[in-house]
Amino acid sequence: MITADNISSHEFIGLDTEIIQSTNPQVVGLNGRIIDETKSMFTINTERGSKSIAKSTNSWKFSIEGKDIVVEGNRIAKRPFDRIGGKA
């Protein structure tokens, strides 16, 4: 179960997100559902199509159990396999 304490070690694909702070002011407020993830990028399905956005230069807001959780992108800028703790 995803909580505020363990969100950075869970799968992000399928979660709704919003960029609340960024080094690029043009992407602040961008929101949608995460449809893919790589080491350094999220692909987000927005109202205007799919957008690939760098993780590390943004702060991401997720709503989990009715609570807003903000995650700094540099904390999650890893391969999903490494972040989740998968075994080879």
PDB file of N, CA and C in Angstrom:
ATOM      1  N   MET A   1       0.836  -1.177   0.000  1.00  0.00           N
ATOM      2  CA  MET A   1       0.000   0.000   0.000  1.00  0.00           C
ATOM      3  C   MET A   1       0.884   1.246   0.000  1.00  0.00           C
ATOM      4  N   ILE A   2       0.552   2.189  -0.833  1.00  0.00           N
ATOM      5  CA  ILE A   2       1.336   3.418  -0.943  1.00  0.00           C
ATOM      6  C   ILE A   2       0.912   4.393   0.150  1.00  0.00           C
ATOM      7  N   THR A   3       1.891   4.920   0.877  1.00  0.00           N
ATOM      8  CA  THR A   3       1.651   5.944   1.894  1.00  0.00           C
ATOM      9  C   THR A   3       2.630   7.089   1.679  1.00  0.00           C
ATOM     10  N   ALA A   4       2.471   8.152   2.434  1.00  0.00           N
ATOM     11  CA  ALA A   4       3.381   9.289   2.333  1.00  0.00           C
ATOM     12  C   ALA A   4       4.805   8.902   2.693  1.00  0.00           C
ATOM     13  N   ASP A   5       4.959   7.930   3.590  1.00  0.00           N
ATOM     14  CA  ASP A   5       6.290   7.528   4.041  1.00  0.00           C
ATOM     15  C   ASP A   5       7.035   6.657   3.042  1.00  0.00           C
ATOM     16  N   ASN A   6       6.299   5.880   2.222  1.00  0.00           N
ATOM     17  CA  ASN A   6       6.982   4.937   1.339  1.00  0.00           C
ATOM     18  C   ASN A   6       6.730   5.170  -0.147  1.00  0.00           C
ATOM     19  N   ILE A   7       6.175   6.310  -0.505  1.00  0.00           N
ATOM     20  CA  ILE A   7       5.816   6.537  -1.909  1.00  0.00           C
ATOM     21  C   ILE A   7       7.028   6.482  -2.833  1.00  0.00           C
ATOM     22  N   SER A   8       8.179   6.933  -2.393  1.00  0.00           N
ATOM     23  CA  SER A   8       9.347   6.957  -3.274  1.00  0.00           C
ATOM     24  C   SER A   8       9.893   5.572  -3.588  1.00  0.00           C
ATOM     25  N   SER A   9       9.411   4.546  -2.908  1.00  0.00           N
ATOM     26  CA  SER A   9       9.856   3.189  -3.219  1.00  0.00           C
ATOM     27  C   SER A   9       8.743   2.351  -3.844  1.00  0.00           C
ATOM     28  N   HIS A  10       7.765   3.005  -4.442  1.00  0.00           N
ATOM     29  CA  HIS A  10       6.658   2.317  -5.105  1.00  0.00           C
ATOM     30  C   HIS A  10       6.617   2.646  -6.592  1.00  0.00           C
ATOM     31  N   GLU A  11       5.794   1.917  -7.286  1.00  0.00           N
ATOM     32  CA  GLU A  11       5.552   2.128  -8.716  1.00  0.00           C
ATOM     33  C   GLU A  11       4.747   3.409  -8.905  1.00  0.00           C
ATOM     34  N   PHE A  12       5.146   4.241  -9.864  1.00  0.00           N
ATOM     35  CA  PHE A  12       4.431   5.488 -10.142  1.00  0.00           C
ATOM     36  C   PHE A  12       3.487   5.369 -11.331  1.00  0.00           C
ATOM     37  N   ILE A  13       3.700   4.391 -12.191  1.00  0.00           N
ATOM     38  CA  ILE A  13       2.846   4.249 -13.372  1.00  0.00           C
ATOM     39  C   ILE A  13       1.412   4.023 -12.915  1.00  0.00           C
ATOM     40  N   GLY A  14       0.504   4.820 -13.464  1.00  0.00           N
ATOM     41  CA  GLY A  14      -0.912   4.735 -13.118  1.00  0.00           C
ATOM     42  C   GLY A  14      -1.355   5.787 -12.115  1.00  0.00           C
ATOM     43  N   LEU A  15      -0.403   6.478 -11.484  1.00  0.00           N
ATOM     44  CA  LEU A  15      -0.768   7.517 -10.519  1.00  0.00           C
ATOM     45  C   LEU A  15      -1.002   8.842 -11.226  1.00  0.00           C
ATOM     46  N   ASP A  16      -1.926   9.635 -10.678  1.00  0.00           N
ATOM     47  CA  ASP A  16      -2.137  10.999 -11.156  1.00  0.00           C
ATOM     48  C   ASP A  16      -1.131  11.897 -10.458  1.00  0.00           C
ATOM     49  N   THR A  17      -0.606  12.862 -11.206  1.00  0.00           N
ATOM     50  CA  THR A  17       0.414  13.743 -10.652  1.00  0.00           C
ATOM     51  C   THR A  17       0.250  15.152 -11.194  1.00  0.00           C
ATOM     52  N   GLU A  18       0.891  16.096 -10.517  1.00  0.00           N
ATOM     53  CA  GLU A  18       0.941  17.480 -10.963  1.00  0.00           C
ATOM     54  C   GLU A  18       2.312  18.033 -10.617  1.00  0.00           C
ATOM     55  N   ILE A  19       2.873  18.830 -11.518  1.00  0.00           N
ATOM     56  CA  ILE A  19       4.149  19.489 -11.254  1.00  0.00           C
ATOM     57  C   ILE A  19       3.836  20.781 -10.516  1.00  0.00           C
ATOM     58  N   ILE A  20       4.384  20.925  -9.306  1.00  0.00           N
ATOM     59  CA  ILE A  20       4.086  22.121  -8.524  1.00  0.00           C
ATOM     60  C   ILE A  20       5.254  23.099  -8.444  1.00  0.00           C
ATOM     61  N   GLN A  21       6.454  22.625  -8.792  1.00  0.00           N
ATOM     62  CA  GLN A  21       7.627  23.493  -8.812  1.00  0.00           C
ATOM     63  C   GLN A  21       8.585  22.939  -9.837  1.00  0.00           C
ATOM     64  N   SER A  22       9.229  23.828 -10.598  1.00  0.00           N
ATOM     65  CA  SER A  22      10.120  23.374 -11.659  1.00  0.00           C
ATOM     66  C   SER A  22      11.144  24.436 -12.001  1.00  0.00           C
ATOM     67  N   THR A  23      12.268  23.995 -12.554  1.00  0.00           N
ATOM     68  CA  THR A  23      13.234  24.941 -13.091  1.00  0.00           C
ATOM     69  C   THR A  23      12.729  25.511 -14.412  1.00  0.00           C
ATOM     70  N   ASN A  24      11.724  24.870 -15.014  1.00  0.00           N
ATOM     71  CA  ASN A  24      11.088  25.343 -16.238  1.00  0.00           C
ATOM     72  C   ASN A  24       9.676  25.829 -15.905  1.00  0.00           C
ATOM     73  N   PRO A  25       9.464  27.132 -15.814  1.00  0.00           N
ATOM     74  CA  PRO A  25       8.151  27.635 -15.403  1.00  0.00           C
ATOM     75  C   PRO A  25       7.006  27.243 -16.347  1.00  0.00           C
ATOM     76  N   GLN A  26       7.304  26.851 -17.562  1.00  0.00           N
ATOM     77  CA  GLN A  26       6.263  26.468 -18.517  1.00  0.00           C
ATOM     78  C   GLN A  26       5.572  25.167 -18.152  1.00  0.00           C
ATOM     79  N   VAL A  27       6.198  24.308 -17.340  1.00  0.00           N
ATOM     80  CA  VAL A  27       5.581  23.024 -17.000  1.00  0.00           C
ATOM     81  C   VAL A  27       4.901  23.031 -15.632  1.00  0.00           C
ATOM     82  N   VAL A  28       5.048  24.116 -14.864  1.00  0.00           N
ATOM     83  CA  VAL A  28       4.378  24.191 -13.568  1.00  0.00           C
ATOM     84  C   VAL A  28       2.865  24.137 -13.796  1.00  0.00           C
ATOM     85  N   GLY A  29       2.202  23.251 -13.077  1.00  0.00           N
ATOM     86  CA  GLY A  29       0.765  23.072 -13.226  1.00  0.00           C
ATOM     87  C   GLY A  29       0.383  21.948 -14.175  1.00  0.00           C
ATOM     88  N   LEU A  30       1.357  21.420 -14.917  1.00  0.00           N
ATOM     89  CA  LEU A  30       1.075  20.304 -15.814  1.00  0.00           C
ATOM     90  C   LEU A  30       0.630  19.114 -14.979  1.00  0.00           C
ATOM     91  N   ASN A  31      -0.469  18.489 -15.392  1.00  0.00           N
ATOM     92  CA  ASN A  31      -0.954  17.356 -14.616  1.00  0.00           C
ATOM     93  C   ASN A  31      -1.503  16.285 -15.537  1.00  0.00           C
ATOM     94  N   GLY A  32      -1.597  15.088 -15.009  1.00  0.00           N
ATOM     95  CA  GLY A  32      -2.115  13.955 -15.754  1.00  0.00           C
ATOM     96  C   GLY A  32      -1.728  12.655 -15.090  1.00  0.00           C
ATOM     97  N   ARG A  33      -1.907  11.574 -15.829  1.00  0.00           N
ATOM     98  CA  ARG A  33      -1.609  10.235 -15.314  1.00  0.00           C
ATOM     99  C   ARG A  33      -0.274   9.764 -15.875  1.00  0.00           C
ATOM    100  N   ILE A  34       0.574   9.218 -15.015  1.00  0.00           N
ATOM    101  CA  ILE A  34       1.866   8.696 -15.445  1.00  0.00           C
ATOM    102  C   ILE A  34       1.626   7.398 -16.204  1.00  0.00           C
ATOM    103  N   ILE A  35       2.121   7.349 -17.453  1.00  0.00           N
ATOM    104  CA  ILE A  35       1.919   6.149 -18.277  1.00  0.00           C
ATOM    105  C   ILE A  35       3.214   5.399 -18.542  1.00  0.00           C
ATOM    106  N   ASP A  36       4.364   6.021 -18.251  1.00  0.00           N
ATOM    107  CA  ASP A  36       5.645   5.341 -18.425  1.00  0.00           C
ATOM    108  C   ASP A  36       6.685   6.050 -17.572  1.00  0.00           C
ATOM    109  N   GLU A  37       7.742   5.312 -17.249  1.00  0.00           N
ATOM    110  CA  GLU A  37       8.797   5.854 -16.409  1.00  0.00           C
ATOM    111  C   GLU A  37      10.130   5.267 -16.825  1.00  0.00           C
ATOM    112  N   THR A  38      11.145   6.121 -16.911  1.00  0.00           N
ATOM    113  CA  THR A  38      12.515   5.680 -17.119  1.00  0.00           C
ATOM    114  C   THR A  38      13.343   6.221 -15.951  1.00  0.00           C
ATOM    115  N   LYS A  39      14.654   6.053 -16.039  1.00  0.00           N
ATOM    116  CA  LYS A  39      15.532   6.517 -14.969  1.00  0.00           C
ATOM    117  C   LYS A  39      15.353   8.011 -14.703  1.00  0.00           C
ATOM    118  N   SER A  40      15.227   8.800 -15.737  1.00  0.00           N
ATOM    119  CA  SER A  40      15.203  10.245 -15.544  1.00  0.00           C
ATOM    120  C   SER A  40      13.928  10.939 -16.018  1.00  0.00           C
ATOM    121  N   MET A  41      12.966  10.194 -16.547  1.00  0.00           N
ATOM    122  CA  MET A  41      11.775  10.827 -17.127  1.00  0.00           C
ATOM    123  C   MET A  41      10.481  10.132 -16.709  1.00  0.00           C
ATOM    124  N   PHE A  42       9.412  10.927 -16.600  1.00  0.00           N
ATOM    125  CA  PHE A  42       8.048  10.420 -16.536  1.00  0.00           C
ATOM    126  C   PHE A  42       7.390  10.762 -17.867  1.00  0.00           C
ATOM    127  N   THR A  43       6.582   9.867 -18.396  1.00  0.00           N
ATOM    128  CA  THR A  43       5.712  10.190 -19.517  1.00  0.00           C
ATOM    129  C   THR A  43       4.319  10.313 -18.930  1.00  0.00           C
ATOM    130  N   ILE A  44       3.727  11.494 -19.134  1.00  0.00           N
ATOM    131  CA  ILE A  44       2.443  11.812 -18.526  1.00  0.00           C
ATOM    132  C   ILE A  44       1.398  11.979 -19.621  1.00  0.00           C
ATOM    133  N   ASN A  45       0.250  11.328 -19.440  1.00  0.00           N
ATOM    134  CA  ASN A  45      -0.864  11.486 -20.351  1.00  0.00           C
ATOM    135  C   ASN A  45      -1.681  12.684 -19.868  1.00  0.00           C
ATOM    136  N   THR A  46      -1.611  13.795 -20.612  1.00  0.00           N
ATOM    137  CA  THR A  46      -2.302  15.025 -20.236  1.00  0.00           C
ATOM    138  C   THR A  46      -3.497  15.238 -21.159  1.00  0.00           C
ATOM    139  N   GLU A  47      -4.241  16.294 -20.905  1.00  0.00           N
ATOM    140  CA  GLU A  47      -5.375  16.637 -21.764  1.00  0.00           C
ATOM    141  C   GLU A  47      -4.917  16.955 -23.189  1.00  0.00           C
ATOM    142  N   ARG A  48      -3.683  17.383 -23.335  1.00  0.00           N
ATOM    143  CA  ARG A  48      -3.144  17.759 -24.650  1.00  0.00           C
ATOM    144  C   ARG A  48      -2.178  16.724 -25.213  1.00  0.00           C
ATOM    145  N   GLY A  49      -2.284  15.483 -24.753  1.00  0.00           N
ATOM    146  CA  GLY A  49      -1.429  14.422 -25.266  1.00  0.00           C
ATOM    147  C   GLY A  49      -0.356  14.020 -24.277  1.00  0.00           C
ATOM    148  N   SER A  50       0.515  13.130 -24.709  1.00  0.00           N
ATOM    149  CA  SER A  50       1.582  12.619 -23.856  1.00  0.00           C
ATOM    150  C   SER A  50       2.756  13.581 -23.832  1.00  0.00           C
ATOM    151  N   LYS A  51       3.307  13.790 -22.641  1.00  0.00           N
ATOM    152  CA  LYS A  51       4.468  14.653 -22.456  1.00  0.00           C
ATOM    153  C   LYS A  51       5.512  13.889 -21.665  1.00  0.00           C
ATOM    154  N   SER A  52       6.770  13.972 -22.098  1.00  0.00           N
ATOM    155  CA  SER A  52       7.885  13.387 -21.354  1.00  0.00           C
ATOM    156  C   SER A  52       8.565  14.509 -20.585  1.00  0.00           C
ATOM    157  N   ILE A  53       8.635  14.353 -19.275  1.00  0.00           N
ATOM    158  CA  ILE A  53       9.145  15.398 -18.397  1.00  0.00           C
ATOM    159  C   ILE A  53      10.240  14.819 -17.503  1.00  0.00           C
ATOM    160  N   ALA A  54      11.338  15.559 -17.363  1.00  0.00           N
ATOM    161  CA  ALA A  54      12.434  15.132 -16.492  1.00  0.00           C
ATOM    162  C   ALA A  54      11.973  15.082 -15.046  1.00  0.00           C
ATOM    163  N   LYS A  55      12.396  14.054 -14.330  1.00  0.00           N
ATOM    164  CA  LYS A  55      12.032  13.911 -12.919  1.00  0.00           C
ATOM    165  C   LYS A  55      12.776  14.909 -12.039  1.00  0.00           C
ATOM    166  N   SER A  56      14.088  14.987 -12.227  1.00  0.00           N
ATOM    167  CA  SER A  56      14.963  15.638 -11.245  1.00  0.00           C
ATOM    168  C   SER A  56      14.793  17.150 -11.140  1.00  0.00           C
ATOM    169  N   THR A  57      14.266  17.807 -12.153  1.00  0.00           N
ATOM    170  CA  THR A  57      14.166  19.268 -12.121  1.00  0.00           C
ATOM    171  C   THR A  57      12.803  19.751 -11.648  1.00  0.00           C
ATOM    172  N   ASN A  58      11.972  18.835 -11.137  1.00  0.00           N
ATOM    173  CA  ASN A  58      10.607  19.182 -10.765  1.00  0.00           C
ATOM    174  C   ASN A  58      10.247  18.638  -9.388  1.00  0.00           C
ATOM    175  N   SER A  59       9.245  19.262  -8.791  1.00  0.00           N
ATOM    176  CA  SER A  59       8.605  18.729  -7.589  1.00  0.00           C
ATOM    177  C   SER A  59       7.244  18.205  -8.014  1.00  0.00           C
ATOM    178  N   TRP A  60       6.954  16.985  -7.612  1.00  0.00           N
ATOM    179  CA  TRP A  60       5.752  16.277  -8.070  1.00  0.00           C
ATOM    180  C   TRP A  60       4.752  16.131  -6.938  1.00  0.00           C
ATOM    181  N   LYS A  61       3.489  16.419  -7.219  1.00  0.00           N
ATOM    182  CA  LYS A  61       2.430  16.237  -6.222  1.00  0.00           C
ATOM    183  C   LYS A  61       1.604  15.013  -6.609  1.00  0.00           C
ATOM    184  N   PHE A  62       1.418  14.127  -5.640  1.00  0.00           N
ATOM    185  CA  PHE A  62       0.583  12.944  -5.808  1.00  0.00           C
ATOM    186  C   PHE A  62      -0.508  12.993  -4.747  1.00  0.00           C
ATOM    187  N   SER A  63      -1.709  12.554  -5.091  1.00  0.00           N
ATOM    188  CA  SER A  63      -2.797  12.464  -4.116  1.00  0.00           C
ATOM    189  C   SER A  63      -2.981  11.000  -3.746  1.00  0.00           C
ATOM    190  N   ILE A  64      -2.681  10.681  -2.499  1.00  0.00           N
ATOM    191  CA  ILE A  64      -2.795   9.317  -1.989  1.00  0.00           C
ATOM    192  C   ILE A  64      -3.741   9.348  -0.792  1.00  0.00           C
ATOM    193  N   GLU A  65      -4.785   8.552  -0.848  1.00  0.00           N
ATOM    194  CA  GLU A  65      -5.772   8.463   0.225  1.00  0.00           C
ATOM    195  C   GLU A  65      -6.298   9.840   0.633  1.00  0.00           C
ATOM    196  N   GLY A  66      -6.540  10.707  -0.339  1.00  0.00           N
ATOM    197  CA  GLY A  66      -7.081  12.029  -0.064  1.00  0.00           C
ATOM    198  C   GLY A  66      -6.088  13.038   0.469  1.00  0.00           C
ATOM    199  N   LYS A  67      -4.805  12.651   0.556  1.00  0.00           N
ATOM    200  CA  LYS A  67      -3.769  13.557   1.035  1.00  0.00           C
ATOM    201  C   LYS A  67      -2.817  13.875  -0.106  1.00  0.00           C
ATOM    202  N   ASP A  68      -2.395  15.139  -0.179  1.00  0.00           N
ATOM    203  CA  ASP A  68      -1.419  15.537  -1.188  1.00  0.00           C
ATOM    204  C   ASP A  68      -0.016  15.301  -0.652  1.00  0.00           C
ATOM    205  N   ILE A  69       0.782  14.615  -1.450  1.00  0.00           N
ATOM    206  CA  ILE A  69       2.156  14.293  -1.082  1.00  0.00           C
ATOM    207  C   ILE A  69       3.066  14.908  -2.138  1.00  0.00           C
ATOM    208  N   VAL A  70       4.051  15.672  -1.703  1.00  0.00           N
ATOM    209  CA  VAL A  70       5.009  16.295  -2.612  1.00  0.00           C
ATOM    210  C   VAL A  70       6.321  15.520  -2.535  1.00  0.00           C
ATOM    211  N   VAL A  71       6.830  15.145  -3.715  1.00  0.00           N
ATOM    212  CA  VAL A  71       8.079  14.398  -3.802  1.00  0.00           C
ATOM    213  C   VAL A  71       9.051  15.199  -4.671  1.00  0.00           C
ATOM    214  N   GLU A  72      10.237  15.429  -4.139  1.00  0.00           N
ATOM    215  CA  GLU A  72      11.285  16.105  -4.903  1.00  0.00           C
ATOM    216  C   GLU A  72      11.809  15.145  -5.969  1.00  0.00           C
ATOM    217  N   GLY A  73      11.904  15.609  -7.189  1.00  0.00           N
ATOM    218  CA  GLY A  73      12.305  14.765  -8.305  1.00  0.00           C
ATOM    219  C   GLY A  73      13.667  14.126  -8.149  1.00  0.00           C
ATOM    220  N   ASN A  74      14.615  14.823  -7.522  1.00  0.00           N
ATOM    221  CA  ASN A  74      15.943  14.235  -7.372  1.00  0.00           C
ATOM    222  C   ASN A  74      15.933  13.034  -6.428  1.00  0.00           C
ATOM    223  N   ARG A  75      14.907  12.876  -5.595  1.00  0.00           N
ATOM    224  CA  ARG A  75      14.788  11.702  -4.714  1.00  0.00           C
ATOM    225  C   ARG A  75      14.334  10.466  -5.477  1.00  0.00           C
ATOM    226  N   ILE A  76      13.687  10.649  -6.625  1.00  0.00           N
ATOM    227  CA  ILE A  76      13.134   9.510  -7.366  1.00  0.00           C
ATOM    228  C   ILE A  76      13.777   9.328  -8.730  1.00  0.00           C
ATOM    229  N   ALA A  77      14.850  10.069  -9.002  1.00  0.00           N
ATOM    230  CA  ALA A  77      15.507   9.991 -10.306  1.00  0.00           C
ATOM    231  C   ALA A  77      16.428   8.777 -10.363  1.00  0.00           C
ATOM    232  N   LYS A  78      15.822   7.608 -10.361  1.00  0.00           N
ATOM    233  CA  LYS A  78      16.525   6.332 -10.465  1.00  0.00           C
ATOM    234  C   LYS A  78      15.706   5.436 -11.367  1.00  0.00           C
ATOM    235  N   ARG A  79      16.327   4.357 -11.815  1.00  0.00           N
ATOM    236  CA  ARG A  79      15.557   3.373 -12.565  1.00  0.00           C
ATOM    237  C   ARG A  79      14.472   2.824 -11.653  1.00  0.00           C
ATOM    238  N   PRO A  80      13.278   2.606 -12.180  1.00  0.00           N
ATOM    239  CA  PRO A  80      12.206   2.060 -11.334  1.00  0.00           C
ATOM    240  C   PRO A  80      12.623   0.776 -10.637  1.00  0.00           C
ATOM    241  N   PHE A  81      13.351  -0.073 -11.322  1.00  0.00           N
ATOM    242  CA  PHE A  81      13.808  -1.351 -10.769  1.00  0.00           C
ATOM    243  C   PHE A  81      14.677  -1.122  -9.527  1.00  0.00           C
ATOM    244  N   ASP A  82      15.582  -0.143  -9.596  1.00  0.00           N
ATOM    245  CA  ASP A  82      16.468   0.158  -8.473  1.00  0.00           C
ATOM    246  C   ASP A  82      15.727   0.818  -7.332  1.00  0.00           C
ATOM    247  N   ARG A  83      14.811   1.727  -7.656  1.00  0.00           N
ATOM    248  CA  ARG A  83      14.083   2.463  -6.631  1.00  0.00           C
ATOM    249  C   ARG A  83      13.141   1.556  -5.855  1.00  0.00           C
ATOM    250  N   ILE A  84      12.498   0.625  -6.545  1.00  0.00           N
ATOM    251  CA  ILE A  84      11.544  -0.274  -5.923  1.00  0.00           C
ATOM    252  C   ILE A  84      12.258  -1.366  -5.128  1.00  0.00           C
ATOM    253  N   GLY A  85      13.489  -1.648  -5.482  1.00  0.00           N
ATOM    254  CA  GLY A  85      14.265  -2.654  -4.754  1.00  0.00           C
ATOM    255  C   GLY A  85      14.140  -4.030  -5.341  1.00  0.00           C
ATOM    256  N   GLY A  86      14.016  -4.103  -6.658  1.00  0.00           N
ATOM    257  CA  GLY A  86      13.883  -5.389  -7.326  1.00  0.00           C
ATOM    258  C   GLY A  86      15.142  -6.223  -7.229  1.00  0.00           C
ATOM    259  N   LYS A  87      14.978  -7.488  -7.373  1.00  0.00           N
ATOM    260  CA  LYS A  87      16.100  -8.431  -7.348  1.00  0.00           C
ATOM    261  C   LYS A  87      16.284  -9.005  -8.744  1.00  0.00           C
ATOM    262  N   ALA A  88      17.521  -9.186  -9.115  1.00  0.00           N
ATOM    263  CA  ALA A  88      17.818  -9.740 -10.446  1.00  0.00           C
ATOM    264  C   ALA A  88      17.689 -11.250 -10.445  1.00  0.00           C
TER     265      ALA A  88
END
